[in-house]
Amino acid sequence: MKNVLITGFEPFGGERVNPSWEVVKQLNDLQLSGVRVVAHQLPCAFGEALTSLNAAIDATQPVLVLAIGQAGGRADITIERVAINVDDARIADNLGQQPVDQPIVPDGPVAYFTRLPIKAMVQGIREAGIPASVSQTAGTYVCNHVMYGLLHRLHQQDNEVKGGFIHIPYLPEQAVNHPGSPSMSAQSVLIALEVAISVALQIEHDLHISGGATH
């Protein structure tokens, strides 16, 4: 049976949990659309996160890689369009590293576009009754670091493996400590990720519909 690799992060920034791992770990060993889902936790650390991701890819030989991360302050499931070749950390990672204006891959391309049918995925998640949108920025922290590193590897291998990144909101138990911040239940995120996997596996050519932003 073919594998799908899905990753979440350990907690960071003073949080006790990371919603990405709290949900992703529930998908481990799930059989969905004829594949087996393998969940893997990444450290929230520049460099170490990519080392861990690459080891998991080597071990599972997946047909699809979905990296999931926390985006506190966002209100919906946001599927990232692009990763840029820069680490510029507002806060230190879990190893105390805080790179500023550093390339992820020296002499690498400025950016990579996702290998996911992002608009079809957004539509599928919305049809499941869960808010979702295309995001035009994955930030410049460890999430973007992982997305760029993943896409760089897939580009270098020149294969048909699909891959990309999805950001999710705080869980309600986190949002209570961030007054005014939106949240989403773990169950809703779980359903959204199951839909995202199914659509990503089935759709080869993305929908030609608007997913842009004015700012």
N, C-alpha and C. Protein backbone atom coordinates (compact mmCIF):
# COMPACT_ATOMS: atom_id res chain seq x y z
N MET A 1 0.84 -1.20 0.00
CA MET A 1 0.00 0.00 0.00
C MET A 1 0.88 1.26 0.00
N LYS A 2 0.49 2.24 -0.79
CA LYS A 2 1.24 3.49 -0.85
C LYS A 2 1.02 4.31 0.43
N ASN A 3 1.99 5.18 0.72
CA ASN A 3 1.95 5.98 1.94
C ASN A 3 1.76 7.46 1.65
N VAL A 4 1.05 8.11 2.56
CA VAL A 4 1.00 9.57 2.65
C VAL A 4 1.68 9.97 3.95
N LEU A 5 2.63 10.87 3.86
CA LEU A 5 3.30 11.38 5.05
C LEU A 5 2.69 12.71 5.44
N ILE A 6 2.26 12.81 6.70
CA ILE A 6 1.71 14.07 7.20
C ILE A 6 2.44 14.42 8.48
N THR A 7 2.90 15.65 8.58
CA THR A 7 3.70 16.05 9.73
C THR A 7 3.04 17.18 10.50
N GLY A 8 3.33 17.21 11.80
CA GLY A 8 2.94 18.31 12.67
C GLY A 8 4.15 18.69 13.52
N PHE A 9 4.06 19.84 14.18
CA PHE A 9 5.17 20.34 14.97
C PHE A 9 4.95 20.14 16.47
N GLU A 10 6.06 20.10 17.19
CA GLU A 10 6.00 20.17 18.65
C GLU A 10 5.59 21.59 19.06
N PRO A 11 5.16 21.79 20.31
CA PRO A 11 4.79 23.14 20.76
C PRO A 11 5.98 24.10 20.70
N PHE A 12 5.68 25.37 20.54
CA PHE A 12 6.70 26.41 20.53
C PHE A 12 6.11 27.71 21.04
N GLY A 13 6.97 28.69 21.26
CA GLY A 13 6.51 30.01 21.64
C GLY A 13 5.75 30.07 22.95
N GLY A 14 6.04 29.16 23.87
CA GLY A 14 5.39 29.17 25.17
C GLY A 14 4.07 28.42 25.24
N GLU A 15 3.62 27.85 24.10
CA GLU A 15 2.37 27.09 24.09
C GLU A 15 2.60 25.70 24.70
N ARG A 16 1.57 25.17 25.34
CA ARG A 16 1.68 23.83 25.93
C ARG A 16 1.40 22.74 24.91
N VAL A 17 0.66 23.06 23.86
CA VAL A 17 0.38 22.11 22.79
C VAL A 17 0.57 22.81 21.45
N ASN A 18 0.71 22.01 20.43
CA ASN A 18 0.69 22.53 19.06
C ASN A 18 -0.47 21.85 18.35
N PRO A 19 -1.45 22.61 17.86
CA PRO A 19 -2.63 21.98 17.25
C PRO A 19 -2.28 21.10 16.06
N SER A 20 -1.19 21.42 15.38
CA SER A 20 -0.83 20.60 14.21
C SER A 20 -0.55 19.16 14.63
N TRP A 21 0.22 18.96 15.68
CA TRP A 21 0.52 17.59 16.11
C TRP A 21 -0.67 16.96 16.83
N GLU A 22 -1.41 17.75 17.60
CA GLU A 22 -2.56 17.19 18.31
C GLU A 22 -3.56 16.57 17.34
N VAL A 23 -3.69 17.15 16.16
CA VAL A 23 -4.61 16.60 15.16
C VAL A 23 -3.92 15.56 14.29
N VAL A 24 -2.73 15.87 13.81
CA VAL A 24 -2.03 14.98 12.88
C VAL A 24 -1.82 13.59 13.47
N LYS A 25 -1.50 13.51 14.75
CA LYS A 25 -1.23 12.20 15.35
C LYS A 25 -2.46 11.29 15.32
N GLN A 26 -3.65 11.88 15.22
CA GLN A 26 -4.88 11.09 15.15
C GLN A 26 -5.05 10.42 13.78
N LEU A 27 -4.30 10.90 12.80
CA LEU A 27 -4.40 10.34 11.45
C LEU A 27 -3.45 9.17 11.22
N ASN A 28 -2.56 8.92 12.15
CA ASN A 28 -1.56 7.87 11.95
C ASN A 28 -2.21 6.51 11.73
N ASP A 29 -1.78 5.83 10.68
CA ASP A 29 -2.26 4.49 10.28
C ASP A 29 -3.66 4.49 9.68
N LEU A 30 -4.24 5.66 9.47
CA LEU A 30 -5.53 5.73 8.80
C LEU A 30 -5.37 5.29 7.34
N GLN A 31 -6.32 4.48 6.86
CA GLN A 31 -6.35 4.12 5.45
C GLN A 31 -7.41 4.98 4.78
N LEU A 32 -6.97 5.73 3.78
CA LEU A 32 -7.83 6.74 3.16
C LEU A 32 -7.53 6.79 1.67
N SER A 33 -8.57 6.63 0.86
CA SER A 33 -8.42 6.71 -0.60
C SER A 33 -7.34 5.75 -1.11
N GLY A 34 -7.25 4.58 -0.48
CA GLY A 34 -6.32 3.56 -0.95
C GLY A 34 -4.87 3.73 -0.52
N VAL A 35 -4.62 4.64 0.43
CA VAL A 35 -3.27 4.84 0.94
C VAL A 35 -3.27 4.73 2.45
N ARG A 36 -2.08 4.57 3.01
CA ARG A 36 -1.92 4.57 4.46
C ARG A 36 -1.29 5.89 4.87
N VAL A 37 -1.86 6.52 5.89
CA VAL A 37 -1.35 7.78 6.38
C VAL A 37 -0.34 7.51 7.50
N VAL A 38 0.83 8.12 7.38
CA VAL A 38 1.88 8.02 8.40
C VAL A 38 2.08 9.41 9.00
N ALA A 39 1.90 9.53 10.31
CA ALA A 39 2.07 10.81 10.99
C ALA A 39 3.47 10.88 11.61
N HIS A 40 4.06 12.07 11.55
CA HIS A 40 5.42 12.25 12.05
C HIS A 40 5.53 13.64 12.67
N GLN A 41 6.10 13.70 13.87
CA GLN A 41 6.27 14.99 14.54
C GLN A 41 7.63 15.59 14.21
N LEU A 42 7.63 16.88 13.87
CA LEU A 42 8.85 17.61 13.58
C LEU A 42 9.22 18.51 14.76
N PRO A 43 10.52 18.68 15.02
CA PRO A 43 10.93 19.67 16.01
C PRO A 43 10.72 21.08 15.46
N CYS A 44 10.42 22.01 16.33
CA CYS A 44 10.29 23.40 15.89
C CYS A 44 11.66 24.04 15.98
N ALA A 45 12.50 23.68 15.03
CA ALA A 45 13.89 24.15 15.03
C ALA A 45 14.41 24.20 13.61
N PHE A 46 15.02 25.32 13.26
CA PHE A 46 15.62 25.46 11.94
C PHE A 46 16.68 24.38 11.75
N GLY A 47 16.72 23.81 10.57
CA GLY A 47 17.69 22.77 10.27
C GLY A 47 17.23 21.42 10.76
N GLU A 48 17.02 21.27 12.07
CA GLU A 48 16.60 20.00 12.64
C GLU A 48 15.26 19.54 12.07
N ALA A 49 14.37 20.49 11.80
CA ALA A 49 13.05 20.13 11.25
C ALA A 49 13.20 19.47 9.89
N LEU A 50 14.08 20.01 9.05
CA LEU A 50 14.28 19.43 7.73
C LEU A 50 15.01 18.09 7.80
N THR A 51 15.93 17.96 8.72
CA THR A 51 16.61 16.67 8.91
C THR A 51 15.60 15.60 9.27
N SER A 52 14.69 15.93 10.18
CA SER A 52 13.66 14.99 10.61
C SER A 52 12.70 14.68 9.47
N LEU A 53 12.29 15.71 8.72
CA LEU A 53 11.38 15.51 7.60
C LEU A 53 12.01 14.61 6.54
N ASN A 54 13.25 14.87 6.19
CA ASN A 54 13.92 14.07 5.15
C ASN A 54 14.07 12.61 5.57
N ALA A 55 14.34 12.38 6.85
CA ALA A 55 14.44 11.01 7.34
C ALA A 55 13.10 10.29 7.23
N ALA A 56 12.01 11.01 7.53
CA ALA A 56 10.67 10.42 7.44
C ALA A 56 10.31 10.12 5.99
N ILE A 57 10.69 11.00 5.08
CA ILE A 57 10.44 10.75 3.65
C ILE A 57 11.22 9.53 3.19
N ASP A 58 12.47 9.44 3.60
CA ASP A 58 13.28 8.28 3.22
C ASP A 58 12.66 6.98 3.74
N ALA A 59 12.10 7.02 4.95
CA ALA A 59 11.56 5.82 5.57
C ALA A 59 10.23 5.39 4.98
N THR A 60 9.42 6.35 4.51
CA THR A 60 8.06 6.03 4.08
C THR A 60 7.88 6.03 2.56
N GLN A 61 8.77 6.70 1.82
CA GLN A 61 8.65 6.80 0.36
C GLN A 61 7.21 7.19 -0.03
N PRO A 62 6.74 8.33 0.44
CA PRO A 62 5.34 8.70 0.23
C PRO A 62 5.03 9.18 -1.18
N VAL A 63 3.75 9.11 -1.54
CA VAL A 63 3.29 9.69 -2.80
C VAL A 63 2.79 11.11 -2.58
N LEU A 64 2.59 11.48 -1.31
CA LEU A 64 2.10 12.80 -0.94
C LEU A 64 2.69 13.16 0.41
N VAL A 65 3.17 14.41 0.53
CA VAL A 65 3.67 14.91 1.81
C VAL A 65 2.91 16.19 2.15
N LEU A 66 2.23 16.17 3.29
CA LEU A 66 1.54 17.36 3.79
C LEU A 66 2.17 17.75 5.11
N ALA A 67 2.74 18.94 5.16
CA ALA A 67 3.27 19.47 6.41
C ALA A 67 2.23 20.44 6.98
N ILE A 68 1.95 20.28 8.27
CA ILE A 68 0.91 21.07 8.92
C ILE A 68 1.55 21.90 10.03
N GLY A 69 1.11 23.16 10.17
CA GLY A 69 1.66 24.02 11.21
C GLY A 69 0.63 24.94 11.81
N GLN A 70 0.94 25.44 12.99
CA GLN A 70 0.07 26.37 13.71
C GLN A 70 0.24 27.79 13.17
N ALA A 71 -0.90 28.44 12.94
CA ALA A 71 -0.88 29.86 12.58
C ALA A 71 -1.83 30.60 13.51
N GLY A 72 -1.37 30.88 14.72
CA GLY A 72 -2.20 31.60 15.68
C GLY A 72 -2.63 32.95 15.14
N GLY A 73 -3.92 33.23 15.22
CA GLY A 73 -4.47 34.48 14.69
C GLY A 73 -5.24 34.29 13.40
N ARG A 74 -4.95 33.22 12.66
CA ARG A 74 -5.74 32.93 11.46
C ARG A 74 -7.04 32.24 11.86
N ALA A 75 -8.09 32.50 11.08
CA ALA A 75 -9.41 32.01 11.45
C ALA A 75 -9.83 30.76 10.70
N ASP A 76 -9.09 30.38 9.66
CA ASP A 76 -9.52 29.25 8.85
C ASP A 76 -8.34 28.35 8.49
N ILE A 77 -8.64 27.25 7.81
CA ILE A 77 -7.61 26.38 7.27
C ILE A 77 -7.00 27.09 6.07
N THR A 78 -5.70 27.32 6.10
CA THR A 78 -5.07 28.07 5.02
C THR A 78 -4.02 27.20 4.33
N ILE A 79 -4.21 27.00 3.04
CA ILE A 79 -3.32 26.16 2.26
C ILE A 79 -2.33 27.07 1.53
N GLU A 80 -1.06 26.83 1.78
CA GLU A 80 -0.02 27.76 1.31
C GLU A 80 0.27 27.58 -0.17
N ARG A 81 0.40 28.72 -0.84
CA ARG A 81 0.71 28.72 -2.27
C ARG A 81 2.21 28.68 -2.55
N VAL A 82 3.01 29.37 -1.70
CA VAL A 82 4.42 29.59 -2.05
C VAL A 82 5.30 29.59 -0.80
N ALA A 83 6.52 29.10 -0.97
CA ALA A 83 7.54 29.17 0.08
C ALA A 83 8.72 29.98 -0.45
N ILE A 84 9.29 30.84 0.39
CA ILE A 84 10.40 31.70 -0.04
C ILE A 84 11.69 31.28 0.64
N ASN A 85 12.80 31.56 -0.02
CA ASN A 85 14.11 31.09 0.42
C ASN A 85 14.75 32.04 1.43
N VAL A 86 14.09 32.18 2.59
CA VAL A 86 14.68 33.02 3.64
C VAL A 86 14.17 32.58 5.00
N ASP A 87 15.08 32.55 5.96
CA ASP A 87 14.74 32.41 7.37
C ASP A 87 14.92 33.78 8.01
N ASP A 88 13.86 34.28 8.64
CA ASP A 88 13.91 35.59 9.30
C ASP A 88 13.00 35.49 10.52
N ALA A 89 13.58 35.06 11.64
CA ALA A 89 12.79 34.65 12.81
C ALA A 89 12.50 35.82 13.75
N ARG A 90 11.22 36.06 14.00
CA ARG A 90 10.82 37.08 14.98
C ARG A 90 11.10 36.62 16.39
N ILE A 91 10.98 35.30 16.63
CA ILE A 91 11.29 34.72 17.93
C ILE A 91 12.26 33.55 17.73
N ALA A 92 12.96 33.17 18.79
CA ALA A 92 13.88 32.05 18.70
C ALA A 92 13.11 30.75 18.57
N ASP A 93 13.73 29.76 17.92
CA ASP A 93 13.11 28.44 17.83
C ASP A 93 13.37 27.68 19.12
N ASN A 94 12.99 26.41 19.15
CA ASN A 94 13.11 25.65 20.39
C ASN A 94 14.54 25.28 20.76
N LEU A 95 15.48 25.56 19.88
CA LEU A 95 16.90 25.37 20.20
C LEU A 95 17.60 26.71 20.45
N GLY A 96 16.82 27.78 20.50
CA GLY A 96 17.39 29.09 20.75
C GLY A 96 17.95 29.77 19.52
N GLN A 97 17.73 29.20 18.36
CA GLN A 97 18.23 29.79 17.12
C GLN A 97 17.27 30.89 16.63
N GLN A 98 17.82 31.97 16.15
CA GLN A 98 17.00 33.06 15.62
C GLN A 98 17.68 33.68 14.40
N PRO A 99 17.69 32.94 13.28
CA PRO A 99 18.35 33.45 12.08
C PRO A 99 17.61 34.68 11.53
N VAL A 100 18.38 35.58 10.96
CA VAL A 100 17.83 36.78 10.34
C VAL A 100 18.38 36.90 8.92
N ASP A 101 17.46 36.96 7.97
CA ASP A 101 17.82 37.16 6.56
C ASP A 101 18.82 36.12 6.06
N GLN A 102 18.61 34.86 6.46
CA GLN A 102 19.48 33.78 6.04
C GLN A 102 18.79 32.90 5.00
N PRO A 103 19.46 32.54 3.91
CA PRO A 103 18.84 31.64 2.94
C PRO A 103 18.67 30.25 3.52
N ILE A 104 17.59 29.59 3.15
CA ILE A 104 17.37 28.21 3.56
C ILE A 104 18.29 27.30 2.77
N VAL A 105 18.38 27.55 1.47
CA VAL A 105 19.28 26.82 0.58
C VAL A 105 20.15 27.86 -0.13
N PRO A 106 21.43 27.99 0.25
CA PRO A 106 22.30 28.95 -0.44
C PRO A 106 22.28 28.72 -1.95
N ASP A 107 22.09 29.80 -2.68
CA ASP A 107 22.03 29.77 -4.15
C ASP A 107 20.80 29.02 -4.67
N GLY A 108 19.85 28.72 -3.78
CA GLY A 108 18.60 28.10 -4.23
C GLY A 108 17.69 29.13 -4.88
N PRO A 109 16.63 28.66 -5.56
CA PRO A 109 15.65 29.59 -6.15
C PRO A 109 15.03 30.51 -5.10
N VAL A 110 14.59 31.66 -5.53
CA VAL A 110 13.96 32.62 -4.62
C VAL A 110 12.74 32.00 -3.94
N ALA A 111 11.98 31.19 -4.68
CA ALA A 111 10.75 30.63 -4.13
C ALA A 111 10.35 29.38 -4.90
N TYR A 112 9.48 28.61 -4.28
CA TYR A 112 8.85 27.46 -4.93
C TYR A 112 7.35 27.55 -4.73
N PHE A 113 6.61 27.23 -5.79
CA PHE A 113 5.17 27.08 -5.65
C PHE A 113 4.85 25.66 -5.16
N THR A 114 3.76 25.55 -4.44
CA THR A 114 3.31 24.26 -3.92
C THR A 114 3.09 23.24 -5.03
N ARG A 115 3.12 21.97 -4.64
CA ARG A 115 2.79 20.89 -5.57
C ARG A 115 1.42 20.32 -5.23
N LEU A 116 0.55 21.13 -4.69
CA LEU A 116 -0.79 20.68 -4.31
C LEU A 116 -1.84 21.39 -5.15
N PRO A 117 -2.99 20.73 -5.40
CA PRO A 117 -4.12 21.40 -6.04
C PRO A 117 -4.86 22.25 -5.00
N ILE A 118 -4.28 23.39 -4.67
CA ILE A 118 -4.71 24.13 -3.48
C ILE A 118 -6.14 24.66 -3.58
N LYS A 119 -6.56 25.08 -4.77
CA LYS A 119 -7.91 25.63 -4.89
C LYS A 119 -8.96 24.54 -4.82
N ALA A 120 -8.67 23.38 -5.38
CA ALA A 120 -9.58 22.25 -5.25
C ALA A 120 -9.67 21.79 -3.79
N MET A 121 -8.55 21.83 -3.09
CA MET A 121 -8.54 21.45 -1.68
C MET A 121 -9.36 22.42 -0.85
N VAL A 122 -9.18 23.71 -1.10
CA VAL A 122 -9.98 24.71 -0.39
C VAL A 122 -11.47 24.50 -0.64
N GLN A 123 -11.82 24.27 -1.90
CA GLN A 123 -13.23 24.05 -2.22
C GLN A 123 -13.77 22.82 -1.50
N GLY A 124 -13.00 21.73 -1.49
CA GLY A 124 -13.45 20.52 -0.82
C GLY A 124 -13.66 20.72 0.66
N ILE A 125 -12.75 21.45 1.29
CA ILE A 125 -12.88 21.71 2.74
C ILE A 125 -14.09 22.59 3.01
N ARG A 126 -14.30 23.60 2.18
CA ARG A 126 -15.47 24.46 2.36
C ARG A 126 -16.77 23.67 2.18
N GLU A 127 -16.78 22.75 1.22
CA GLU A 127 -17.98 21.94 1.01
C GLU A 127 -18.26 21.02 2.19
N ALA A 128 -17.23 20.75 3.00
CA ALA A 128 -17.41 19.97 4.22
C ALA A 128 -17.88 20.85 5.38
N GLY A 129 -18.09 22.13 5.10
CA GLY A 129 -18.61 23.04 6.11
C GLY A 129 -17.56 23.67 7.00
N ILE A 130 -16.30 23.69 6.54
CA ILE A 130 -15.20 24.21 7.34
C ILE A 130 -14.53 25.36 6.60
N PRO A 131 -14.32 26.50 7.26
CA PRO A 131 -13.70 27.65 6.59
C PRO A 131 -12.28 27.33 6.11
N ALA A 132 -11.98 27.73 4.88
CA ALA A 132 -10.67 27.48 4.29
C ALA A 132 -10.38 28.53 3.23
N SER A 133 -9.09 28.76 2.99
CA SER A 133 -8.70 29.71 1.95
C SER A 133 -7.28 29.42 1.52
N VAL A 134 -6.90 30.01 0.38
CA VAL A 134 -5.52 29.97 -0.09
C VAL A 134 -4.74 31.06 0.65
N SER A 135 -3.55 30.73 1.12
CA SER A 135 -2.67 31.72 1.75
C SER A 135 -1.53 32.04 0.80
N GLN A 136 -1.16 33.31 0.77
CA GLN A 136 -0.09 33.75 -0.12
C GLN A 136 1.26 33.84 0.58
N THR A 137 1.30 33.55 1.89
CA THR A 137 2.56 33.60 2.61
C THR A 137 2.58 32.58 3.74
N ALA A 138 3.67 31.82 3.80
CA ALA A 138 3.86 30.87 4.90
C ALA A 138 4.74 31.46 5.99
N GLY A 139 4.96 32.79 5.94
CA GLY A 139 5.80 33.44 6.92
C GLY A 139 7.28 33.25 6.62
N THR A 140 8.11 33.49 7.64
CA THR A 140 9.56 33.31 7.47
C THR A 140 10.15 32.55 8.67
N TYR A 141 9.28 31.78 9.35
CA TYR A 141 9.70 31.02 10.52
C TYR A 141 9.89 29.55 10.11
N VAL A 142 9.78 28.63 11.03
CA VAL A 142 10.10 27.23 10.75
C VAL A 142 9.11 26.60 9.77
N CYS A 143 7.87 27.08 9.73
CA CYS A 143 6.90 26.53 8.78
C CYS A 143 7.35 26.77 7.34
N ASN A 144 7.70 28.00 7.04
CA ASN A 144 8.20 28.30 5.69
C ASN A 144 9.50 27.55 5.42
N HIS A 145 10.35 27.45 6.43
CA HIS A 145 11.61 26.70 6.32
C HIS A 145 11.35 25.26 5.86
N VAL A 146 10.35 24.63 6.49
CA VAL A 146 10.01 23.24 6.14
C VAL A 146 9.38 23.17 4.76
N MET A 147 8.47 24.08 4.44
CA MET A 147 7.83 24.05 3.14
C MET A 147 8.85 24.23 2.02
N TYR A 148 9.75 25.21 2.18
CA TYR A 148 10.75 25.43 1.14
C TYR A 148 11.67 24.22 1.01
N GLY A 149 12.12 23.70 2.15
CA GLY A 149 13.01 22.55 2.11
C GLY A 149 12.37 21.33 1.47
N LEU A 150 11.09 21.12 1.77
CA LEU A 150 10.35 20.01 1.16
C LEU A 150 10.27 20.18 -0.35
N LEU A 151 9.86 21.34 -0.80
CA LEU A 151 9.69 21.57 -2.23
C LEU A 151 11.03 21.56 -2.96
N HIS A 152 12.08 22.02 -2.31
CA HIS A 152 13.40 21.96 -2.91
C HIS A 152 13.81 20.50 -3.14
N ARG A 153 13.56 19.66 -2.14
CA ARG A 153 13.88 18.24 -2.30
C ARG A 153 13.08 17.62 -3.44
N LEU A 154 11.79 17.88 -3.47
CA LEU A 154 10.96 17.28 -4.51
C LEU A 154 11.38 17.78 -5.89
N HIS A 155 11.74 19.04 -5.99
CA HIS A 155 12.20 19.59 -7.27
C HIS A 155 13.51 18.95 -7.70
N GLN A 156 14.43 18.77 -6.75
CA GLN A 156 15.72 18.18 -7.07
C GLN A 156 15.57 16.73 -7.53
N GLN A 157 14.60 16.02 -6.94
CA GLN A 157 14.39 14.63 -7.31
C GLN A 157 13.64 14.50 -8.62
N ASP A 158 12.93 15.59 -9.01
CA ASP A 158 12.21 15.61 -10.27
C ASP A 158 11.26 14.41 -10.39
N ASN A 159 10.48 14.18 -9.34
CA ASN A 159 9.54 13.07 -9.36
C ASN A 159 8.10 13.58 -9.31
N GLU A 160 7.16 12.66 -9.19
CA GLU A 160 5.74 13.02 -9.22
C GLU A 160 5.13 13.13 -7.83
N VAL A 161 5.97 13.10 -6.80
CA VAL A 161 5.45 13.21 -5.44
C VAL A 161 4.85 14.60 -5.24
N LYS A 162 3.66 14.64 -4.67
CA LYS A 162 3.01 15.91 -4.37
C LYS A 162 3.41 16.35 -2.96
N GLY A 163 3.45 17.64 -2.73
CA GLY A 163 3.81 18.12 -1.41
C GLY A 163 3.47 19.58 -1.22
N GLY A 164 3.25 19.95 0.04
CA GLY A 164 2.96 21.33 0.36
C GLY A 164 2.68 21.50 1.83
N PHE A 165 2.16 22.68 2.17
CA PHE A 165 2.01 23.06 3.58
C PHE A 165 0.62 23.63 3.84
N ILE A 166 0.08 23.31 5.02
CA ILE A 166 -1.21 23.81 5.45
C ILE A 166 -1.07 24.40 6.85
N HIS A 167 -1.56 25.61 7.03
CA HIS A 167 -1.60 26.23 8.35
C HIS A 167 -3.00 26.08 8.96
N ILE A 168 -3.04 25.87 10.27
CA ILE A 168 -4.32 25.74 10.97
C ILE A 168 -4.37 26.69 12.15
N PRO A 169 -5.60 27.06 12.60
CA PRO A 169 -5.73 28.01 13.72
C PRO A 169 -5.38 27.38 15.07
N TYR A 170 -5.41 28.23 16.10
CA TYR A 170 -5.33 27.75 17.48
C TYR A 170 -6.48 26.79 17.77
N LEU A 171 -6.26 25.88 18.70
CA LEU A 171 -7.35 25.14 19.30
C LEU A 171 -8.05 26.04 20.32
N PRO A 172 -9.33 25.77 20.65
CA PRO A 172 -10.03 26.61 21.63
C PRO A 172 -9.29 26.73 22.95
N GLU A 173 -8.68 25.63 23.42
CA GLU A 173 -7.98 25.69 24.70
C GLU A 173 -6.74 26.58 24.67
N GLN A 174 -6.23 26.85 23.47
CA GLN A 174 -5.15 27.82 23.33
C GLN A 174 -5.70 29.24 23.25
N ALA A 175 -6.78 29.40 22.53
CA ALA A 175 -7.33 30.73 22.27
C ALA A 175 -7.79 31.42 23.54
N VAL A 176 -8.14 30.65 24.56
CA VAL A 176 -8.57 31.29 25.82
C VAL A 176 -7.44 32.11 26.43
N ASN A 177 -6.21 31.79 26.07
CA ASN A 177 -5.06 32.54 26.58
C ASN A 177 -4.62 33.65 25.62
N HIS A 178 -5.36 33.81 24.52
CA HIS A 178 -5.08 34.85 23.53
C HIS A 178 -6.40 35.57 23.22
N PRO A 179 -6.86 36.42 24.12
CA PRO A 179 -8.16 37.08 23.94
C PRO A 179 -8.31 37.72 22.57
N GLY A 180 -9.44 37.40 21.92
CA GLY A 180 -9.72 37.95 20.60
C GLY A 180 -9.22 37.10 19.47
N SER A 181 -8.41 36.09 19.74
CA SER A 181 -7.90 35.23 18.68
C SER A 181 -8.91 34.17 18.29
N PRO A 182 -9.09 33.91 17.00
CA PRO A 182 -9.99 32.86 16.56
C PRO A 182 -9.42 31.48 16.86
N SER A 183 -10.28 30.47 16.81
CA SER A 183 -9.84 29.10 17.04
C SER A 183 -10.70 28.16 16.22
N MET A 184 -10.29 26.90 16.18
CA MET A 184 -11.05 25.86 15.48
C MET A 184 -10.89 24.56 16.26
N SER A 185 -11.98 23.79 16.37
CA SER A 185 -11.93 22.55 17.12
C SER A 185 -11.04 21.52 16.43
N ALA A 186 -10.46 20.64 17.22
CA ALA A 186 -9.62 19.57 16.67
C ALA A 186 -10.42 18.70 15.71
N GLN A 187 -11.70 18.46 16.01
CA GLN A 187 -12.52 17.62 15.14
C GLN A 187 -12.70 18.27 13.76
N SER A 188 -12.92 19.57 13.73
CA SER A 188 -13.07 20.26 12.44
C SER A 188 -11.77 20.22 11.65
N VAL A 189 -10.65 20.43 12.33
CA VAL A 189 -9.36 20.37 11.64
C VAL A 189 -9.11 18.96 11.11
N LEU A 190 -9.47 17.96 11.90
CA LEU A 190 -9.29 16.57 11.48
C LEU A 190 -10.06 16.27 10.20
N ILE A 191 -11.31 16.70 10.16
CA ILE A 191 -12.13 16.50 8.96
C ILE A 191 -11.50 17.23 7.77
N ALA A 192 -11.05 18.46 8.00
CA ALA A 192 -10.44 19.24 6.93
C ALA A 192 -9.21 18.55 6.36
N LEU A 193 -8.38 17.98 7.22
CA LEU A 193 -7.16 17.33 6.75
C LEU A 193 -7.47 16.04 6.01
N GLU A 194 -8.49 15.32 6.44
CA GLU A 194 -8.90 14.12 5.71
C GLU A 194 -9.38 14.49 4.30
N VAL A 195 -10.14 15.57 4.21
CA VAL A 195 -10.59 16.05 2.90
C VAL A 195 -9.39 16.49 2.06
N ALA A 196 -8.47 17.21 2.68
CA ALA A 196 -7.29 17.71 1.96
C ALA A 196 -6.49 16.56 1.37
N ILE A 197 -6.31 15.49 2.14
CA ILE A 197 -5.57 14.33 1.65
C ILE A 197 -6.29 13.70 0.46
N SER A 198 -7.58 13.48 0.61
CA SER A 198 -8.35 12.83 -0.46
C SER A 198 -8.32 13.64 -1.75
N VAL A 199 -8.52 14.96 -1.64
CA VAL A 199 -8.52 15.81 -2.84
C VAL A 199 -7.13 15.84 -3.46
N ALA A 200 -6.10 15.98 -2.65
CA ALA A 200 -4.74 16.05 -3.17
C ALA A 200 -4.37 14.79 -3.94
N LEU A 201 -4.86 13.64 -3.47
CA LEU A 201 -4.56 12.39 -4.15
C LEU A 201 -5.33 12.22 -5.45
N GLN A 202 -6.53 12.78 -5.51
CA GLN A 202 -7.41 12.54 -6.64
C GLN A 202 -7.28 13.56 -7.76
N ILE A 203 -6.92 14.80 -7.42
CA ILE A 203 -6.92 15.90 -8.40
C ILE A 203 -5.53 16.12 -8.96
N GLU A 204 -5.40 16.00 -10.27
CA GLU A 204 -4.12 16.22 -10.92
C GLU A 204 -3.95 17.65 -11.40
N HIS A 205 -5.03 18.28 -11.83
CA HIS A 205 -4.98 19.64 -12.35
C HIS A 205 -5.92 20.51 -11.51
N ASP A 206 -5.36 21.55 -10.93
CA ASP A 206 -6.13 22.39 -10.01
C ASP A 206 -7.26 23.13 -10.71
N LEU A 207 -8.25 23.55 -9.91
CA LEU A 207 -9.37 24.31 -10.43
C LEU A 207 -8.91 25.70 -10.87
N HIS A 208 -9.49 26.20 -11.95
CA HIS A 208 -9.16 27.55 -12.44
C HIS A 208 -10.18 28.53 -11.88
N ILE A 209 -10.06 28.78 -10.57
CA ILE A 209 -10.95 29.72 -9.89
C ILE A 209 -10.10 30.66 -9.05
N SER A 210 -10.68 31.79 -8.67
CA SER A 210 -9.90 32.77 -7.92
C SER A 210 -9.60 32.28 -6.51
N GLY A 211 -8.34 32.50 -6.12
CA GLY A 211 -7.93 32.23 -4.74
C GLY A 211 -6.97 33.31 -4.29
N GLY A 212 -7.01 34.43 -4.98
CA GLY A 212 -6.06 35.52 -4.71
C GLY A 212 -6.48 36.40 -3.56
N ALA A 213 -5.65 37.41 -3.31
CA ALA A 213 -5.89 38.34 -2.21
C ALA A 213 -5.56 39.75 -2.68
N THR A 214 -6.20 40.73 -2.07
CA THR A 214 -5.94 42.13 -2.44
C THR A 214 -4.82 42.74 -1.60
N HIS A 215 -4.45 42.08 -0.51
CA HIS A 215 -3.35 42.57 0.32
C HIS A 215 -2.80 41.45 1.16
